C-alpha atoms as a PDB file:
ATOM      1  CA  UNK A   1      -0.210   0.062  -0.047  1.00  0.00           C
ATOM      2  CA  UNK A   2       1.218   3.463  -0.708  1.00  0.00           C
ATOM      3  CA  UNK A   3       2.652   4.817   2.734  1.00  0.00           C
ATOM      4  CA  UNK A   4       0.998   8.357   1.740  1.00  0.00           C
ATOM      5  CA  UNK A   5      -2.701   7.027   1.473  1.00  0.00           C
ATOM      6  CA  UNK A   6      -1.695   4.199   4.631  1.00  0.00           C
ATOM      7  CA  UNK A   7      -2.432   7.056   7.918  1.00  0.00           C
ATOM      8  CA  UNK A   8      -5.695   6.764   6.286  1.00  0.00           C
ATOM      9  CA  UNK A   9      -6.441   3.618   7.609  1.00  0.00           C
ATOM     10  CA  UNK A  10      -4.762   3.704  10.946  1.00  0.00           C
ATOM     11  CA  UNK A  11      -7.452   3.676  13.787  1.00  0.00           C
ATOM     12  CA  UNK A  12      -6.209   6.733  15.863  1.00  0.00           C
ATOM     13  CA  UNK A  13      -5.779   9.173  12.821  1.00  0.00           C
ATOM     14  CA  UNK A  14      -9.892   8.368  12.265  1.00  0.00           C
ATOM     15  CA  UNK A  15     -10.470   8.901  15.971  1.00  0.00           C
ATOM     16  CA  UNK A  16      -8.463  12.134  15.638  1.00  0.00           C
ATOM     17  CA  UNK A  17     -10.100  13.040  12.718  1.00  0.00           C
ATOM     18  CA  UNK A  18     -13.612  12.529  13.404  1.00  0.00           C
ATOM     19  CA  UNK A  19     -12.701  14.453  17.070  1.00  0.00           C
ATOM     20  CA  UNK A  20     -10.815  17.352  15.152  1.00  0.00           C
ATOM     21  CA  UNK A  21     -14.302  17.583  13.047  1.00  0.00           C
ATOM     22  CA  UNK A  22     -16.941  17.286  15.148  1.00  0.00           C
ATOM     23  CA  UNK A  23     -14.841  19.741  17.057  1.00  0.00           C
ATOM     24  CA  UNK A  24     -14.685  22.402  14.266  1.00  0.00           C
ATOM     25  CA  UNK A  25     -18.051  21.990  13.107  1.00  0.00           C
ATOM     26  CA  UNK A  26     -19.720  23.034  16.610  1.00  0.00           C
ATOM     27  CA  UNK A  27     -16.956  25.826  16.967  1.00  0.00           C
ATOM     28  CA  UNK A  28     -18.435  26.839  13.157  1.00  0.00           C
ATOM     29  CA  UNK A  29     -22.171  25.960  14.069  1.00  0.00           C
ATOM     30  CA  UNK A  30     -22.132  28.648  17.829  1.00  0.00           C
ATOM     31  CA  UNK A  31     -19.557  30.934  16.435  1.00  0.00           C
ATOM     32  CA  UNK A  32     -21.768  32.498  13.608  1.00  0.00           C
ATOM     33  CA  UNK A  33     -24.601  33.219  15.995  1.00  0.00           C
ATOM     34  CA  UNK A  34     -23.031  34.185  18.709  1.00  0.00           C
ATOM     35  CA  UNK A  35     -23.050  37.881  17.974  1.00  0.00           C
ATOM     36  CA  UNK A  36     -26.718  38.140  17.075  1.00  0.00           C
ATOM     37  CA  UNK A  37     -27.275  36.537  20.471  1.00  0.00           C
ATOM     38  CA  UNK A  38     -25.357  38.467  22.532  1.00  0.00           C
ATOM     39  CA  UNK A  39     -26.828  41.097  20.756  1.00  0.00           C
ATOM     40  CA  UNK A  40     -30.537  40.010  21.344  1.00  0.00           C
ATOM     41  CA  UNK A  41     -29.436  39.687  25.205  1.00  0.00           C
ATOM     42  CA  UNK A  42     -28.762  43.814  25.003  1.00  0.00           C
ATOM     43  CA  UNK A  43     -24.835  43.755  24.670  1.00  0.00           C
ATOM     44  CA  UNK A  44     -22.971  46.957  23.098  1.00  0.00           C
ATOM     45  CA  UNK A  45     -21.116  45.958  20.027  1.00  0.00           C
ATOM     46  CA  UNK A  46     -18.074  47.159  22.077  1.00  0.00           C
ATOM     47  CA  UNK A  47     -18.679  44.287  24.669  1.00  0.00           C
ATOM     48  CA  UNK A  48     -19.237  41.815  22.113  1.00  0.00           C
ATOM     49  CA  UNK A  49     -16.398  42.313  20.222  1.00  0.00           C
ATOM     50  CA  UNK A  50     -14.184  41.978  23.949  1.00  0.00           C
ATOM     51  CA  UNK A  51     -16.465  38.492  24.351  1.00  0.00           C
ATOM     52  CA  UNK A  52     -15.593  37.385  20.944  1.00  0.00           C
ATOM     53  CA  UNK A  53     -12.182  38.836  20.769  1.00  0.00           C
ATOM     54  CA  UNK A  54     -10.896  37.209  24.342  1.00  0.00           C
ATOM     55  CA  UNK A  55     -11.227  33.588  22.723  1.00  0.00           C
ATOM     56  CA  UNK A  56      -8.451  33.925  20.601  1.00  0.00           C
ATOM     57  CA  UNK A  57      -6.055  36.219  23.089  1.00  0.00           C
ATOM     58  CA  UNK A  58      -6.177  33.802  26.058  1.00  0.00           C
ATOM     59  CA  UNK A  59      -5.401  30.877  23.714  1.00  0.00           C
ATOM     60  CA  UNK A  60      -2.474  32.819  22.086  1.00  0.00           C
ATOM     61  CA  UNK A  61      -1.067  33.440  25.607  1.00  0.00           C
ATOM     62  CA  UNK A  62      -1.990  29.948  26.619  1.00  0.00           C
ATOM     63  CA  UNK A  63      -0.832  28.130  23.752  1.00  0.00           C
ATOM     64  CA  UNK A  64       3.433  27.924  23.914  1.00  0.00           C
ATOM     65  CA  UNK A  65       3.014  26.324  27.872  1.00  0.00           C
ATOM     66  CA  UNK A  66       0.562  23.980  26.353  1.00  0.00           C
ATOM     67  CA  UNK A  67       2.786  23.237  23.643  1.00  0.00           C
ATOM     68  CA  UNK A  68       6.136  22.702  25.896  1.00  0.00           C
ATOM     69  CA  UNK A  69       4.050  20.739  28.312  1.00  0.00           C
ATOM     70  CA  UNK A  70       2.884  18.669  25.121  1.00  0.00           C
ATOM     71  CA  UNK A  71       6.475  17.801  23.845  1.00  0.00           C
ATOM     72  CA  UNK A  72       7.295  16.218  27.510  1.00  0.00           C
ATOM     73  CA  UNK A  73       3.804  14.856  28.691  1.00  0.00           C
ATOM     74  CA  UNK A  74       2.231  13.628  24.961  1.00  0.00           C
ATOM     75  CA  UNK A  75      -0.935  14.708  23.855  1.00  0.00           C
ATOM     76  CA  UNK A  76      -3.930  12.538  25.208  1.00  0.00           C
ATOM     77  CA  UNK A  77      -4.128  14.463  28.099  1.00  0.00           C
ATOM     78  CA  UNK A  78      -4.151  17.830  26.457  1.00  0.00           C
ATOM     79  CA  UNK A  79      -6.731  16.648  24.302  1.00  0.00           C
ATOM     80  CA  UNK A  80      -9.275  15.495  27.277  1.00  0.00           C
ATOM     81  CA  UNK A  81      -9.171  19.016  28.788  1.00  0.00           C
ATOM     82  CA  UNK A  82      -9.339  20.746  25.747  1.00  0.00           C
ATOM     83  CA  UNK A  83     -12.418  19.376  24.615  1.00  0.00           C
ATOM     84  CA  UNK A  84     -13.531  19.316  28.889  1.00  0.00           C
ATOM     85  CA  UNK A  85     -13.197  23.377  28.568  1.00  0.00           C
ATOM     86  CA  UNK A  86     -15.089  23.334  25.258  1.00  0.00           C
ATOM     87  CA  UNK A  87     -18.217  21.428  26.881  1.00  0.00           C
ATOM     88  CA  UNK A  88     -18.037  23.289  30.061  1.00  0.00           C
ATOM     89  CA  UNK A  89     -17.666  26.529  28.390  1.00  0.00           C
ATOM     90  CA  UNK A  90     -20.461  26.113  25.878  1.00  0.00           C
ATOM     91  CA  UNK A  91     -22.574  24.578  28.495  1.00  0.00           C
ATOM     92  CA  UNK A  92     -22.537  27.495  30.149  1.00  0.00           C
ATOM     93  CA  UNK A  93     -24.186  29.626  27.425  1.00  0.00           C
ATOM     94  CA  UNK A  94     -27.479  28.721  28.857  1.00  0.00           C
ATOM     95  CA  UNK A  95     -27.207  30.115  32.276  1.00  0.00           C
ATOM     96  CA  UNK A  96     -24.962  32.939  31.862  1.00  0.00           C
ATOM     97  CA  UNK A  97     -26.350  36.250  31.825  1.00  0.00           C
ATOM     98  CA  UNK A  98     -23.715  38.988  32.479  1.00  0.00           C
ATOM     99  CA  UNK A  99     -20.499  40.630  30.285  1.00  0.00           C
ATOM    100  CA  UNK A 100     -18.426  39.205  32.995  1.00  0.00           C
ATOM    101  CA  UNK A 101     -19.809  35.370  32.879  1.00  0.00           C
ATOM    102  CA  UNK A 102     -19.739  35.458  28.816  1.00  0.00           C
ATOM    103  CA  UNK A 103     -16.207  36.769  28.852  1.00  0.00           C
ATOM    104  CA  UNK A 104     -15.278  33.994  31.368  1.00  0.00           C
ATOM    105  CA  UNK A 105     -16.924  31.729  28.985  1.00  0.00           C
ATOM    106  CA  UNK A 106     -15.001  32.481  26.054  1.00  0.00           C
ATOM    107  CA  UNK A 107     -12.028  32.890  27.476  1.00  0.00           C
ATOM    108  CA  UNK A 108     -12.451  29.570  29.185  1.00  0.00           C
ATOM    109  CA  UNK A 109     -12.845  28.567  25.484  1.00  0.00           C
ATOM    110  CA  UNK A 110      -9.657  29.616  24.569  1.00  0.00           C
ATOM    111  CA  UNK A 111      -8.030  28.346  26.878  1.00  0.00           C
ATOM    112  CA  UNK A 112      -9.854  24.643  25.357  1.00  0.00           C
ATOM    113  CA  UNK A 113      -8.867  26.226  22.241  1.00  0.00           C
ATOM    114  CA  UNK A 114      -5.402  25.885  22.967  1.00  0.00           C
ATOM    115  CA  UNK A 115      -4.998  22.532  24.573  1.00  0.00           C
ATOM    116  CA  UNK A 116      -7.441  20.442  22.028  1.00  0.00           C
ATOM    117  CA  UNK A 117      -5.289  22.387  19.271  1.00  0.00           C
ATOM    118  CA  UNK A 118      -2.007  21.975  19.859  1.00  0.00           C
ATOM    119  CA  UNK A 119      -2.340  18.107  21.248  1.00  0.00           C
ATOM    120  CA  UNK A 120      -4.833  17.236  18.032  1.00  0.00           C
ATOM    121  CA  UNK A 121      -2.127  18.367  16.232  1.00  0.00           C
ATOM    122  CA  UNK A 122       0.584  16.847  18.085  1.00  0.00           C
ATOM    123  CA  UNK A 123      -0.976  13.573  18.338  1.00  0.00           C
ATOM    124  CA  UNK A 124      -2.127  13.392  14.224  1.00  0.00           C
ATOM    125  CA  UNK A 125       1.476  14.432  13.202  1.00  0.00           C
ATOM    126  CA  UNK A 126       2.807  11.481  15.452  1.00  0.00           C
ATOM    127  CA  UNK A 127       0.763   8.863  14.355  1.00  0.00           C
ATOM    128  CA  UNK A 128       2.921   8.062  10.821  1.00  0.00           C
ATOM    129  CA  UNK A 129       6.347   8.509  13.075  1.00  0.00           C
ATOM    130  CA  UNK A 130       8.025   5.672  14.034  1.00  0.00           C
ATOM    131  CA  UNK A 131      10.284   7.724  16.507  1.00  0.00           C
ATOM    132  CA  UNK A 132       7.534   9.683  18.883  1.00  0.00           C
ATOM    133  CA  UNK A 133       4.752   7.538  19.873  1.00  0.00           C
ATOM    134  CA  UNK A 134       1.846   9.335  21.165  1.00  0.00           C
ATOM    135  CA  UNK A 135       0.586   9.158  24.831  1.00  0.00           C
END
């Protein structure tokens, strides 16, 4: 079998691809309507901008530390923490009603994004490598 397509038959690769596809789908279903939802809740455009923007800022700040940790401890723990933070922060939308709560939820989501994204990419890249095994 051609080695360039052999990775698609690997069960670990299939699992991480399914997980990543589901995560991206979930993110892309929520993000477009989040600003409309926040506007409906009565937030100003500036507040909505801060709430949406904190995700990228928190992911950017946390990702270097997560990357170093994934290099030393493996990636599975980071994937699990990231998915857990995604779940908790998304579930929190049901009870959030103030600027601070939405800001905190999106901050948490950004941290989850740093954990999950770094762990998933590291895990997927190590599947085809003989020298590095995912932990």
